[in-house]
Each structure stands twice: as structure tokens, then as C-alpha cells.
Amino acid sequence: MERDIRVSTIQEDDRIEKFLVDHFKDDILEINSQNISIGSLRFGQSLFIDPKQIRKSTDVENGEGNRSQVTMKLSLAALSRMRMRKLQIKLTNRIMKMYYFDELPDDWEQLLEKYSTLIPLQRLRLRTRETNYKVTATRDNDYIRTCVDRGFHDPFLIRSERKVDAAVLKKALRQIPTEKLDRRLLTGNRRGKQEFNLAPPLEKESTAIGGTRTEMTQKQRTEELLKRIMVSVIGGAFLVVPVWIMVLVESTYTSLITTTVFVFVGGFAAAGVLRDNLQVVSVTAAYAAVLVVFVGANGSST
């Protein structure tokens, strides 16, 4: 009996693994031709990396000249999604056995516990006749999604543009038979060692996975400062621009149209930034009140 269960489990795992590999094959590894210039890449990556750590254009282009090279990217986030899908499939099989065969698999509770720690929910409530359970789910997927904002320092992407990642990828590629590799990756042999057509890393020095705490803290502070400056500029423009228009073009229709348009635009902007409905209404009403007061004061003065 135990042997039959073990064989059935192995067969199930084999079917699931084959399905997962076929389903996530294009998500876990991506090879792209480098169709843009090194200068453009350097400018784009300078938004996420210290400019001192980026290799110069001459350093990069001296590698393979003008030959079209490729970049490789591996997604660890896709592996997390694959793990969720694997547990989901197993739980689906358990439910089918319960419903159609009146069987209660032994491992359904363990699988449910694992899955509940992966799903991106704050709480999962399971109600029974005797107890109301509250299962607090961990935030693995939520954390993975927040790492997208790190851009070049996303720890859930293994990219050939990063120096250490490129070395890891090349070492892993050398373990794969040449006939199974994408032709774009191959460039020839040197001294009996396989060379790959990967674009040279953009980094001059090796960096830690996800960036060091000092670098990330400094980057976060800079981003928050720039965000506050941008918000202050936009907020000032929403007040100054309609005032200039109404002062330079003294007309009742101009004042009414300007006030109406800017109040609606300000309301839309508040709706896009704020999440609470009451806050959106309050901000829109306050902005409308400021413009109405100015229109009244400007009308009385003229």
C-alpha cells in the first residue's frame, strides 16, 4: 500500500514538473539581442547605478567591436510563481480526490499551509463549525513585487549586464551541451574554453545582490527627495498657472473656464495619487475653494 502511494506521488510529481517546465520555460530565462547603442544603455542604467561603477563606452565596445551581442536575464520571481502553481495543482488534485472518490489525502493540510504562506493575501479566513481560524499569510510575493522598483538592483533577476551575474551565467552555460544552446549565445572557442556572445557587463566593479544597505538607503533618500521636489513643483504649478491666466486675461468667462478646468484636472490627479475617497474629495474641495476665493477677490478688485 505504501509502495503504491509512493509510486503514485512520484508519477504525479513527474507530470506536474513537465507541465511547469513547459508553462514557465519562456518566463524563467530570456535572451535578447542588443539592438540599442551602448551609450543609450549606459544612460538608462545610470538612473539605477552609481555612474562611477558603469564601464565607459570604449571599455565595452573594445570587447567584440560592432558585432551584435545578446543579453541574458533569469527570473527568480518566475520560480516563485512556479512554486505557487505547483502547490495549486497539487491542491486541485486533492480536492478532486475528495469530491469524486470520497478520499481524504494525508498531505492536504501541509499543502494548504504551504500555499497559504505564498498567496498574496493579508488574511485567509477558514470557517468551521467550531472555530473561526485566521491564517496570516506571509508576504513573499508582495516583497517580490516591491523589488521591481529597484530596477537594475532587482535581486530576483539574474542579468548578464551585472558583472557577478555574468560570471555566474557563463559558468552555468558551460555545463550545458553546445547543441542545446541558443545559437545567438555562441561565439567560438578560445584555448579550448567556450566563449559566449554576451554583451560585456555595464558595471565596472562587482556589487552585492540587491545592492548594499548603504547604497540602497542613499538611493531611496535621493528618490524620495526628488519625488517631494516634483510634487512641490506640480502643486505650485496648479496654483500659479491659473492665477497667471486669470490675471493676464481679465474676463469672467476666462476665470470660470480656468477654474473649472483646473479643479477637474486637480481632482483627477488627486484620484490617481490618493487611495481614500474622502481624501480625494477633501483635496479637490480645498483646491476649488482656493481658486474660487481668488476669482472672487480678483473680480471685486477689478
C-alpha atoms as a PDB file:
ATOM      1  CA  MET A   1       0.000   0.000   0.000  1.00  0.00           C
ATOM      2  CA  GLU A   2       2.722   2.428   0.964  1.00  0.00           C
ATOM      3  CA  ARG A   3       4.657   1.484  -2.153  1.00  0.00           C
ATOM      4  CA  ASP A   4       1.614   2.246  -4.343  1.00  0.00           C
ATOM      5  CA  ILE A   5       1.203   5.634  -2.685  1.00  0.00           C
ATOM      6  CA  ARG A   6       4.894   6.395  -3.205  1.00  0.00           C
ATOM      7  CA  VAL A   7       4.723   5.414  -6.884  1.00  0.00           C
ATOM      8  CA  SER A   8       1.563   7.483  -7.377  1.00  0.00           C
ATOM      9  CA  THR A   9       3.229  10.508  -5.766  1.00  0.00           C
ATOM     10  CA  ILE A  10       6.306  10.158  -7.984  1.00  0.00           C
ATOM     11  CA  GLN A  11       4.139   9.920 -11.102  1.00  0.00           C
ATOM     12  CA  GLU A  12       2.162  12.967 -10.025  1.00  0.00           C
ATOM     13  CA  ASP A  13       5.356  14.950  -9.409  1.00  0.00           C
ATOM     14  CA  ASP A  14       6.697  13.956 -12.830  1.00  0.00           C
ATOM     15  CA  ARG A  15       3.526  15.145 -14.576  1.00  0.00           C
ATOM     16  CA  ILE A  16       3.497  18.405 -12.634  1.00  0.00           C
ATOM     17  CA  GLU A  17       7.182  19.066 -13.270  1.00  0.00           C
ATOM     18  CA  LYS A  18       6.756  18.527 -17.013  1.00  0.00           C
ATOM     19  CA  PHE A  19       3.772  20.882 -17.068  1.00  0.00           C
ATOM     20  CA  LEU A  20       5.618  23.549 -15.069  1.00  0.00           C
ATOM     21  CA  VAL A  21       8.707  23.413 -17.270  1.00  0.00           C
ATOM     22  CA  ASP A  22       6.610  23.743 -20.436  1.00  0.00           C
ATOM     23  CA  HIS A  23       4.479  26.511 -18.953  1.00  0.00           C
ATOM     24  CA  PHE A  24       7.235  28.662 -17.411  1.00  0.00           C
ATOM     25  CA  LYS A  25      10.062  27.959 -19.848  1.00  0.00           C
ATOM     26  CA  ASP A  26       9.806  31.362 -21.541  1.00  0.00           C
ATOM     27  CA  ASP A  27       9.452  33.208 -18.221  1.00  0.00           C
ATOM     28  CA  ILE A  28      12.444  31.900 -16.311  1.00  0.00           C
ATOM     29  CA  LEU A  29      15.054  32.677 -18.994  1.00  0.00           C
ATOM     30  CA  GLU A  30      15.089  35.420 -21.608  1.00  0.00           C
ATOM     31  CA  ILE A  31      17.671  36.132 -24.326  1.00  0.00           C
ATOM     32  CA  ASN A  32      17.513  39.484 -26.106  1.00  0.00           C
ATOM     33  CA  SER A  33      19.560  40.883 -28.954  1.00  0.00           C
ATOM     34  CA  GLN A  34      21.225  44.157 -28.130  1.00  0.00           C
ATOM     35  CA  ASN A  35      19.691  46.476 -30.704  1.00  0.00           C
ATOM     36  CA  ILE A  36      20.410  49.752 -28.929  1.00  0.00           C
ATOM     37  CA  SER A  37      23.703  51.545 -28.545  1.00  0.00           C
ATOM     38  CA  ILE A  38      25.989  51.214 -25.567  1.00  0.00           C
ATOM     39  CA  GLY A  39      25.549  54.914 -24.877  1.00  0.00           C
ATOM     40  CA  SER A  40      21.803  54.509 -24.528  1.00  0.00           C
ATOM     41  CA  LEU A  41      22.276  51.543 -22.205  1.00  0.00           C
ATOM     42  CA  ARG A  42      24.711  53.476 -20.061  1.00  0.00           C
ATOM     43  CA  PHE A  43      22.342  56.432 -19.824  1.00  0.00           C
ATOM     44  CA  GLY A  44      19.436  54.212 -18.850  1.00  0.00           C
ATOM     45  CA  GLN A  45      21.381  52.231 -16.278  1.00  0.00           C
ATOM     46  CA  SER A  46      22.857  55.401 -14.769  1.00  0.00           C
ATOM     47  CA  LEU A  47      19.425  56.006 -13.274  1.00  0.00           C
ATOM     48  CA  PHE A  48      19.896  52.921 -11.095  1.00  0.00           C
ATOM     49  CA  ILE A  49      23.665  52.577 -10.698  1.00  0.00           C
ATOM     50  CA  ASP A  50      26.349  54.876  -9.398  1.00  0.00           C
ATOM     51  CA  PRO A  51      27.863  56.415 -12.577  1.00  0.00           C
ATOM     52  CA  LYS A  52      31.349  55.619 -11.251  1.00  0.00           C
ATOM     53  CA  GLN A  53      30.542  51.899 -11.397  1.00  0.00           C
ATOM     54  CA  ILE A  54      29.453  51.937 -15.058  1.00  0.00           C
ATOM     55  CA  ARG A  55      32.031  50.960 -17.636  1.00  0.00           C
ATOM     56  CA  LYS A  56      32.965  53.503 -20.262  1.00  0.00           C
ATOM     57  CA  SER A  57      31.754  53.092 -23.831  1.00  0.00           C
ATOM     58  CA  THR A  58      35.294  52.425 -25.058  1.00  0.00           C
ATOM     59  CA  ASP A  59      35.796  49.704 -22.438  1.00  0.00           C
ATOM     60  CA  VAL A  60      32.603  47.937 -23.512  1.00  0.00           C
ATOM     61  CA  GLU A  61      32.995  48.283 -27.261  1.00  0.00           C
ATOM     62  CA  ASN A  62      36.557  47.005 -27.279  1.00  0.00           C
ATOM     63  CA  GLY A  63      35.248  43.519 -26.422  1.00  0.00           C
ATOM     64  CA  GLU A  64      33.693  42.378 -29.721  1.00  0.00           C
ATOM     65  CA  GLY A  65      33.691  45.501 -31.884  1.00  0.00           C
ATOM     66  CA  ASN A  66      30.432  46.201 -33.673  1.00  0.00           C
ATOM     67  CA  ARG A  67      29.193  42.622 -33.601  1.00  0.00           C
ATOM     68  CA  SER A  68      25.594  42.231 -32.453  1.00  0.00           C
ATOM     69  CA  GLN A  69      25.674  40.764 -28.963  1.00  0.00           C
ATOM     70  CA  VAL A  70      22.970  39.473 -26.681  1.00  0.00           C
ATOM     71  CA  THR A  71      21.913  39.887 -23.072  1.00  0.00           C
ATOM     72  CA  MET A  72      20.525  37.166 -20.830  1.00  0.00           C
ATOM     73  CA  LYS A  73      18.085  37.545 -17.938  1.00  0.00           C
ATOM     74  CA  LEU A  74      16.914  34.880 -15.474  1.00  0.00           C
ATOM     75  CA  SER A  75      13.845  35.492 -13.318  1.00  0.00           C
ATOM     76  CA  LEU A  76      13.767  34.175  -9.767  1.00  0.00           C
ATOM     77  CA  ALA A  77      10.323  35.744  -9.419  1.00  0.00           C
ATOM     78  CA  ALA A  78       9.101  33.287 -12.063  1.00  0.00           C
ATOM     79  CA  LEU A  79      10.403  30.463  -9.870  1.00  0.00           C
ATOM     80  CA  SER A  80       8.282  31.796  -7.023  1.00  0.00           C
ATOM     81  CA  ARG A  81       5.239  31.797  -9.299  1.00  0.00           C
ATOM     82  CA  MET A  82       6.164  28.280 -10.404  1.00  0.00           C
ATOM     83  CA  ARG A  83       6.240  27.140  -6.788  1.00  0.00           C
ATOM     84  CA  MET A  84       2.784  28.620  -6.231  1.00  0.00           C
ATOM     85  CA  ARG A  85       1.449  26.920  -9.358  1.00  0.00           C
ATOM     86  CA  LYS A  86       2.906  23.581  -8.276  1.00  0.00           C
ATOM     87  CA  LEU A  87       1.153  23.768  -4.919  1.00  0.00           C
ATOM     88  CA  GLN A  88      -2.047  24.914  -6.602  1.00  0.00           C
ATOM     89  CA  ILE A  89      -2.026  21.903  -8.940  1.00  0.00           C
ATOM     90  CA  LYS A  90      -1.408  19.518  -6.058  1.00  0.00           C
ATOM     91  CA  LEU A  91      -4.247  21.034  -4.035  1.00  0.00           C
ATOM     92  CA  THR A  92      -6.516  20.790  -7.063  1.00  0.00           C
ATOM     93  CA  ASN A  93      -5.732  17.086  -7.346  1.00  0.00           C
ATOM     94  CA  ARG A  94      -6.507  16.614  -3.643  1.00  0.00           C
ATOM     95  CA  ILE A  95      -9.857  18.358  -3.990  1.00  0.00           C
ATOM     96  CA  MET A  96     -10.775  16.188  -6.981  1.00  0.00           C
ATOM     97  CA  LYS A  97      -9.980  13.050  -4.982  1.00  0.00           C
ATOM     98  CA  MET A  98     -12.102  14.300  -2.085  1.00  0.00           C
ATOM     99  CA  TYR A  99     -15.076  15.131  -4.280  1.00  0.00           C
ATOM    100  CA  TYR A 100     -15.113  12.328  -6.834  1.00  0.00           C
ATOM    101  CA  PHE A 101     -13.522   9.408  -4.943  1.00  0.00           C
ATOM    102  CA  ASP A 102     -14.517  10.234  -1.339  1.00  0.00           C
ATOM    103  CA  GLU A 103     -10.858  10.080  -0.348  1.00  0.00           C
ATOM    104  CA  LEU A 104      -9.103  12.297   2.160  1.00  0.00           C
ATOM    105  CA  PRO A 105      -5.412  12.587   1.207  1.00  0.00           C
ATOM    106  CA  ASP A 106      -2.992  12.680   4.113  1.00  0.00           C
ATOM    107  CA  ASP A 107      -0.961  15.656   2.911  1.00  0.00           C
ATOM    108  CA  TRP A 108      -3.724  18.149   2.069  1.00  0.00           C
ATOM    109  CA  GLU A 109      -3.226  20.131   5.296  1.00  0.00           C
ATOM    110  CA  GLN A 110       0.514  20.513   4.763  1.00  0.00           C
ATOM    111  CA  LEU A 111      -0.028  21.595   1.163  1.00  0.00           C
ATOM    112  CA  LEU A 112      -2.678  24.115   2.195  1.00  0.00           C
ATOM    113  CA  GLU A 113      -0.380  25.544   4.858  1.00  0.00           C
ATOM    114  CA  LYS A 114       2.448  25.953   2.344  1.00  0.00           C
ATOM    115  CA  TYR A 115       0.157  27.562  -0.206  1.00  0.00           C
ATOM    116  CA  SER A 116      -1.358  29.947   2.330  1.00  0.00           C
ATOM    117  CA  THR A 117       2.115  31.285   3.109  1.00  0.00           C
ATOM    118  CA  LEU A 118       2.681  32.103  -0.563  1.00  0.00           C
ATOM    119  CA  ILE A 119      -0.556  33.640  -1.775  1.00  0.00           C
ATOM    120  CA  PRO A 120      -0.518  37.465  -1.740  1.00  0.00           C
ATOM    121  CA  LEU A 121      -3.309  37.845   0.836  1.00  0.00           C
ATOM    122  CA  GLN A 122      -3.171  39.647   4.154  1.00  0.00           C
ATOM    123  CA  ARG A 123      -5.599  37.195   5.739  1.00  0.00           C
ATOM    124  CA  LEU A 124      -7.201  33.936   4.725  1.00  0.00           C
ATOM    125  CA  ARG A 125     -10.224  33.086   6.848  1.00  0.00           C
ATOM    126  CA  LEU A 126     -11.231  29.457   7.219  1.00  0.00           C
ATOM    127  CA  ARG A 127     -14.562  28.985   8.959  1.00  0.00           C
ATOM    128  CA  THR A 128     -15.663  25.705  10.531  1.00  0.00           C
ATOM    129  CA  ARG A 129     -18.497  24.773  12.864  1.00  0.00           C
ATOM    130  CA  GLU A 130     -16.398  25.177  15.974  1.00  0.00           C
ATOM    131  CA  THR A 131     -13.734  27.762  15.259  1.00  0.00           C
ATOM    132  CA  ASN A 132     -13.043  30.796  13.116  1.00  0.00           C
ATOM    133  CA  TYR A 133      -9.409  30.488  12.010  1.00  0.00           C
ATOM    134  CA  LYS A 134      -7.378  33.421  10.783  1.00  0.00           C
ATOM    135  CA  VAL A 135      -4.343  32.350   8.813  1.00  0.00           C
ATOM    136  CA  THR A 136      -1.949  35.252   8.352  1.00  0.00           C
ATOM    137  CA  ALA A 137      -0.153  34.850   5.035  1.00  0.00           C
ATOM    138  CA  THR A 138       3.439  35.907   4.628  1.00  0.00           C
ATOM    139  CA  ARG A 139       4.259  38.489   2.017  1.00  0.00           C
ATOM    140  CA  ASP A 140       6.716  36.697  -0.223  1.00  0.00           C
ATOM    141  CA  ASN A 141       5.027  37.776  -3.431  1.00  0.00           C
ATOM    142  CA  ASP A 142       4.363  41.285  -2.142  1.00  0.00           C
ATOM    143  CA  TYR A 143       8.075  41.672  -1.412  1.00  0.00           C
ATOM    144  CA  ILE A 144       8.994  40.341  -4.849  1.00  0.00           C
ATOM    145  CA  ARG A 145       6.720  42.912  -6.485  1.00  0.00           C
ATOM    146  CA  THR A 146       8.231  45.773  -4.482  1.00  0.00           C
ATOM    147  CA  CYS A 147      11.713  44.779  -5.692  1.00  0.00           C
ATOM    148  CA  VAL A 148      10.698  45.705  -9.247  1.00  0.00           C
ATOM    149  CA  ASP A 149      11.215  49.349  -8.251  1.00  0.00           C
ATOM    150  CA  ARG A 150      14.909  48.623  -7.648  1.00  0.00           C
ATOM    151  CA  GLY A 151      15.428  48.344 -11.390  1.00  0.00           C
ATOM    152  CA  PHE A 152      18.992  47.232 -12.093  1.00  0.00           C
ATOM    153  CA  HIS A 153      19.398  46.045  -8.478  1.00  0.00           C
ATOM    154  CA  ASP A 154      16.348  43.752  -8.532  1.00  0.00           C
ATOM    155  CA  PRO A 155      17.607  40.684  -6.584  1.00  0.00           C
ATOM    156  CA  PHE A 156      15.055  38.427  -8.295  1.00  0.00           C
ATOM    157  CA  LEU A 157      16.578  38.906 -11.747  1.00  0.00           C
ATOM    158  CA  ILE A 158      19.914  37.416 -12.787  1.00  0.00           C
ATOM    159  CA  ARG A 159      21.177  39.660 -15.577  1.00  0.00           C
ATOM    160  CA  SER A 160      24.228  39.402 -17.779  1.00  0.00           C
ATOM    161  CA  GLU A 161      24.565  43.204 -17.566  1.00  0.00           C
ATOM    162  CA  ARG A 162      25.780  42.811 -13.972  1.00  0.00           C
ATOM    163  CA  LYS A 163      29.375  41.735 -13.519  1.00  0.00           C
ATOM    164  CA  VAL A 164      28.987  38.911 -10.993  1.00  0.00           C
ATOM    165  CA  ASP A 165      25.748  37.700 -12.581  1.00  0.00           C
ATOM    166  CA  ALA A 166      27.511  37.445 -15.942  1.00  0.00           C
ATOM    167  CA  ALA A 167      30.203  35.212 -14.427  1.00  0.00           C
ATOM    168  CA  VAL A 168      27.530  33.023 -12.815  1.00  0.00           C
ATOM    169  CA  LEU A 169      25.643  32.710 -16.106  1.00  0.00           C
ATOM    170  CA  LYS A 170      28.764  31.833 -18.104  1.00  0.00           C
ATOM    171  CA  LYS A 171      29.756  29.147 -15.627  1.00  0.00           C
ATOM    172  CA  ALA A 172      26.261  27.661 -15.757  1.00  0.00           C
ATOM    173  CA  LEU A 173      26.161  27.798 -19.574  1.00  0.00           C
ATOM    174  CA  ARG A 174      29.414  25.840 -19.829  1.00  0.00           C
ATOM    175  CA  GLN A 175      27.686  22.908 -18.122  1.00  0.00           C
ATOM    176  CA  ILE A 176      25.141  22.680 -20.960  1.00  0.00           C
ATOM    177  CA  PRO A 177      25.935  20.805 -24.206  1.00  0.00           C
ATOM    178  CA  THR A 178      26.664  23.183 -27.086  1.00  0.00           C
ATOM    179  CA  GLU A 179      23.978  21.687 -29.335  1.00  0.00           C
ATOM    180  CA  LYS A 180      21.283  22.627 -26.818  1.00  0.00           C
ATOM    181  CA  LEU A 181      22.285  26.285 -26.518  1.00  0.00           C
ATOM    182  CA  ASP A 182      20.743  29.138 -28.460  1.00  0.00           C
ATOM    183  CA  ARG A 183      22.946  29.941 -31.462  1.00  0.00           C
ATOM    184  CA  ARG A 184      22.957  33.609 -30.540  1.00  0.00           C
ATOM    185  CA  LEU A 185      24.831  32.761 -27.353  1.00  0.00           C
ATOM    186  CA  LEU A 186      27.788  31.085 -29.043  1.00  0.00           C
ATOM    187  CA  THR A 187      30.771  32.936 -30.433  1.00  0.00           C
ATOM    188  CA  GLY A 188      33.600  30.344 -30.569  1.00  0.00           C
ATOM    189  CA  ASN A 189      36.329  28.675 -28.542  1.00  0.00           C
ATOM    190  CA  ARG A 190      39.458  30.239 -27.131  1.00  0.00           C
ATOM    191  CA  ARG A 191      42.203  27.975 -25.784  1.00  0.00           C
ATOM    192  CA  GLY A 192      39.707  25.127 -25.535  1.00  0.00           C
ATOM    193  CA  LYS A 193      37.284  27.228 -23.495  1.00  0.00           C
ATOM    194  CA  GLN A 194      33.801  28.047 -24.791  1.00  0.00           C
ATOM    195  CA  GLU A 195      33.172  31.761 -25.264  1.00  0.00           C
ATOM    196  CA  PHE A 196      29.713  33.293 -25.254  1.00  0.00           C
ATOM    197  CA  ASN A 197      28.297  36.195 -27.222  1.00  0.00           C
ATOM    198  CA  LEU A 198      27.074  38.070 -24.155  1.00  0.00           C
ATOM    199  CA  ALA A 199      27.349  41.835 -24.101  1.00  0.00           C
ATOM    200  CA  PRO A 200      30.008  42.986 -21.617  1.00  0.00           C
ATOM    201  CA  PRO A 201      28.658  43.931 -18.168  1.00  0.00           C
ATOM    202  CA  LEU A 202      27.785  47.567 -17.635  1.00  0.00           C
ATOM    203  CA  GLU A 203      29.289  47.552 -14.155  1.00  0.00           C
ATOM    204  CA  LYS A 204      32.931  48.403 -13.589  1.00  0.00           C
ATOM    205  CA  GLU A 205      33.009  46.856 -10.100  1.00  0.00           C
ATOM    206  CA  SER A 206      31.170  43.944  -8.536  1.00  0.00           C
ATOM    207  CA  THR A 207      28.129  44.816  -6.439  1.00  0.00           C
ATOM    208  CA  ALA A 208      26.174  42.920  -3.816  1.00  0.00           C
ATOM    209  CA  ILE A 209      22.890  41.194  -4.633  1.00  0.00           C
ATOM    210  CA  GLY A 210      20.194  43.840  -4.475  1.00  0.00           C
ATOM    211  CA  GLY A 211      22.787  46.488  -3.623  1.00  0.00           C
ATOM    212  CA  THR A 212      24.354  47.182  -0.238  1.00  0.00           C
ATOM    213  CA  ARG A 213      22.319  48.716   2.560  1.00  0.00           C
ATOM    214  CA  THR A 214      24.238  51.987   2.317  1.00  0.00           C
ATOM    215  CA  GLU A 215      23.721  52.260  -1.435  1.00  0.00           C
ATOM    216  CA  MET A 216      20.038  51.373  -1.262  1.00  0.00           C
ATOM    217  CA  THR A 217      19.420  53.776   1.641  1.00  0.00           C
ATOM    218  CA  GLN A 218      21.152  56.610  -0.188  1.00  0.00           C
ATOM    219  CA  LYS A 219      19.284  55.813  -3.390  1.00  0.00           C
ATOM    220  CA  GLN A 220      15.964  55.684  -1.537  1.00  0.00           C
ATOM    221  CA  ARG A 221      16.602  59.036   0.131  1.00  0.00           C
ATOM    222  CA  THR A 222      17.521  60.603  -3.207  1.00  0.00           C
ATOM    223  CA  GLU A 223      14.402  59.212  -4.866  1.00  0.00           C
ATOM    224  CA  GLU A 224      12.198  60.438  -2.025  1.00  0.00           C
ATOM    225  CA  LEU A 225      13.783  63.908  -2.225  1.00  0.00           C
ATOM    226  CA  LEU A 226      13.247  64.080  -5.989  1.00  0.00           C
ATOM    227  CA  LYS A 227       9.678  62.895  -5.532  1.00  0.00           C
ATOM    228  CA  ARG A 228       8.981  65.607  -2.942  1.00  0.00           C
ATOM    229  CA  ILE A 229      10.526  68.248  -5.201  1.00  0.00           C
ATOM    230  CA  MET A 230       8.402  67.063  -8.122  1.00  0.00           C
ATOM    231  CA  VAL A 231       5.252  67.120  -6.000  1.00  0.00           C
ATOM    232  CA  SER A 232       6.026  70.647  -4.801  1.00  0.00           C
ATOM    233  CA  VAL A 233       6.615  71.834  -8.382  1.00  0.00           C
ATOM    234  CA  ILE A 234       3.374  70.271  -9.608  1.00  0.00           C
ATOM    235  CA  GLY A 235       1.427  71.635  -6.636  1.00  0.00           C
ATOM    236  CA  GLY A 236       2.860  75.098  -7.179  1.00  0.00           C
ATOM    237  CA  ALA A 237       2.013  74.933 -10.882  1.00  0.00           C
ATOM    238  CA  PHE A 238      -1.606  74.063 -10.076  1.00  0.00           C
ATOM    239  CA  LEU A 239      -1.830  77.281  -8.055  1.00  0.00           C
ATOM    240  CA  VAL A 240       0.350  79.642 -10.081  1.00  0.00           C
ATOM    241  CA  VAL A 241      -0.743  78.790 -13.640  1.00  0.00           C
ATOM    242  CA  PRO A 242      -4.483  79.516 -13.210  1.00  0.00           C
ATOM    243  CA  VAL A 243      -3.638  82.704 -11.304  1.00  0.00           C
ATOM    244  CA  TRP A 244      -1.428  83.926 -14.157  1.00  0.00           C
ATOM    245  CA  ILE A 245      -4.095  83.104 -16.729  1.00  0.00           C
ATOM    246  CA  MET A 246      -6.846  84.928 -14.840  1.00  0.00           C
ATOM    247  CA  VAL A 247      -4.640  87.969 -14.161  1.00  0.00           C
ATOM    248  CA  LEU A 248      -3.324  88.304 -17.705  1.00  0.00           C
ATOM    249  CA  VAL A 249      -6.702  87.638 -19.361  1.00  0.00           C
ATOM    250  CA  GLU A 250      -9.228  89.545 -17.291  1.00  0.00           C
ATOM    251  CA  SER A 251     -12.579  88.117 -18.257  1.00  0.00           C
ATOM    252  CA  THR A 252     -15.466  86.470 -16.455  1.00  0.00           C
ATOM    253  CA  TYR A 253     -15.546  83.564 -18.890  1.00  0.00           C
ATOM    254  CA  THR A 254     -11.776  83.134 -18.617  1.00  0.00           C
ATOM    255  CA  SER A 255     -11.974  82.927 -14.831  1.00  0.00           C
ATOM    256  CA  LEU A 256     -14.869  80.462 -14.891  1.00  0.00           C
ATOM    257  CA  ILE A 257     -13.376  78.207 -17.561  1.00  0.00           C
ATOM    258  CA  THR A 258      -9.903  78.252 -15.977  1.00  0.00           C
ATOM    259  CA  THR A 259     -11.284  77.455 -12.527  1.00  0.00           C
ATOM    260  CA  THR A 260     -13.477  74.634 -13.854  1.00  0.00           C
ATOM    261  CA  VAL A 261     -10.724  73.004 -15.913  1.00  0.00           C
ATOM    262  CA  PHE A 262      -8.075  73.148 -13.184  1.00  0.00           C
ATOM    263  CA  VAL A 263     -10.452  71.881 -10.498  1.00  0.00           C
ATOM    264  CA  PHE A 264     -11.308  68.842 -12.642  1.00  0.00           C
ATOM    265  CA  VAL A 265      -7.658  68.217 -13.536  1.00  0.00           C
ATOM    266  CA  GLY A 266      -6.650  68.593  -9.892  1.00  0.00           C
ATOM    267  CA  GLY A 267      -9.391  66.174  -8.878  1.00  0.00           C
ATOM    268  CA  PHE A 268      -8.218  63.601 -11.424  1.00  0.00           C
ATOM    269  CA  ALA A 269      -4.628  63.989 -10.194  1.00  0.00           C
ATOM    270  CA  ALA A 270      -5.732  63.541  -6.578  1.00  0.00           C
ATOM    271  CA  ALA A 271      -7.721  60.444  -7.539  1.00  0.00           C
ATOM    272  CA  GLY A 272      -4.633  58.959  -9.185  1.00  0.00           C
ATOM    273  CA  VAL A 273      -2.382  59.587  -6.169  1.00  0.00           C
ATOM    274  CA  LEU A 274      -4.659  59.183  -3.143  1.00  0.00           C
ATOM    275  CA  ARG A 275      -6.398  55.934  -2.266  1.00  0.00           C
ATOM    276  CA  ASP A 276      -9.012  57.124   0.206  1.00  0.00           C
ATOM    277  CA  ASN A 277     -12.190  58.552  -1.337  1.00  0.00           C
ATOM    278  CA  LEU A 278     -12.669  61.073   1.465  1.00  0.00           C
ATOM    279  CA  GLN A 279      -9.145  62.409   0.971  1.00  0.00           C
ATOM    280  CA  VAL A 280      -9.778  62.868  -2.761  1.00  0.00           C
ATOM    281  CA  VAL A 281     -12.967  64.829  -2.055  1.00  0.00           C
ATOM    282  CA  SER A 282     -11.261  66.936   0.628  1.00  0.00           C
ATOM    283  CA  VAL A 283      -8.262  67.834  -1.544  1.00  0.00           C
ATOM    284  CA  THR A 284     -10.446  68.663  -4.551  1.00  0.00           C
ATOM    285  CA  ALA A 285     -12.781  70.803  -2.447  1.00  0.00           C
ATOM    286  CA  ALA A 286      -9.881  72.659  -0.816  1.00  0.00           C
ATOM    287  CA  TYR A 287      -8.274  73.369  -4.200  1.00  0.00           C
ATOM    288  CA  ALA A 288     -11.601  74.559  -5.617  1.00  0.00           C
ATOM    289  CA  ALA A 289     -12.088  76.839  -2.606  1.00  0.00           C
ATOM    290  CA  VAL A 290      -8.687  78.471  -3.145  1.00  0.00           C
ATOM    291  CA  LEU A 291      -9.439  79.213  -6.801  1.00  0.00           C
ATOM    292  CA  VAL A 292     -12.953  80.446  -6.044  1.00  0.00           C
ATOM    293  CA  VAL A 293     -11.614  82.806  -3.381  1.00  0.00           C
ATOM    294  CA  PHE A 294      -9.061  84.182  -5.834  1.00  0.00           C
ATOM    295  CA  VAL A 295     -11.731  84.615  -8.520  1.00  0.00           C
ATOM    296  CA  GLY A 296     -13.915  86.497  -6.048  1.00  0.00           C
ATOM    297  CA  ALA A 297     -11.042  88.688  -4.870  1.00  0.00           C
ATOM    298  CA  ASN A 298      -9.912  89.368  -8.423  1.00  0.00           C
ATOM    299  CA  GLY A 299     -13.470  90.208  -9.515  1.00  0.00           C
ATOM    300  CA  SER A 300     -14.037  92.623  -6.640  1.00  0.00           C
ATOM    301  CA  SER A 301     -10.723  94.393  -7.265  1.00  0.00           C
ATOM    302  CA  THR A 302     -11.500  94.915 -10.935  1.00  0.00           C
END
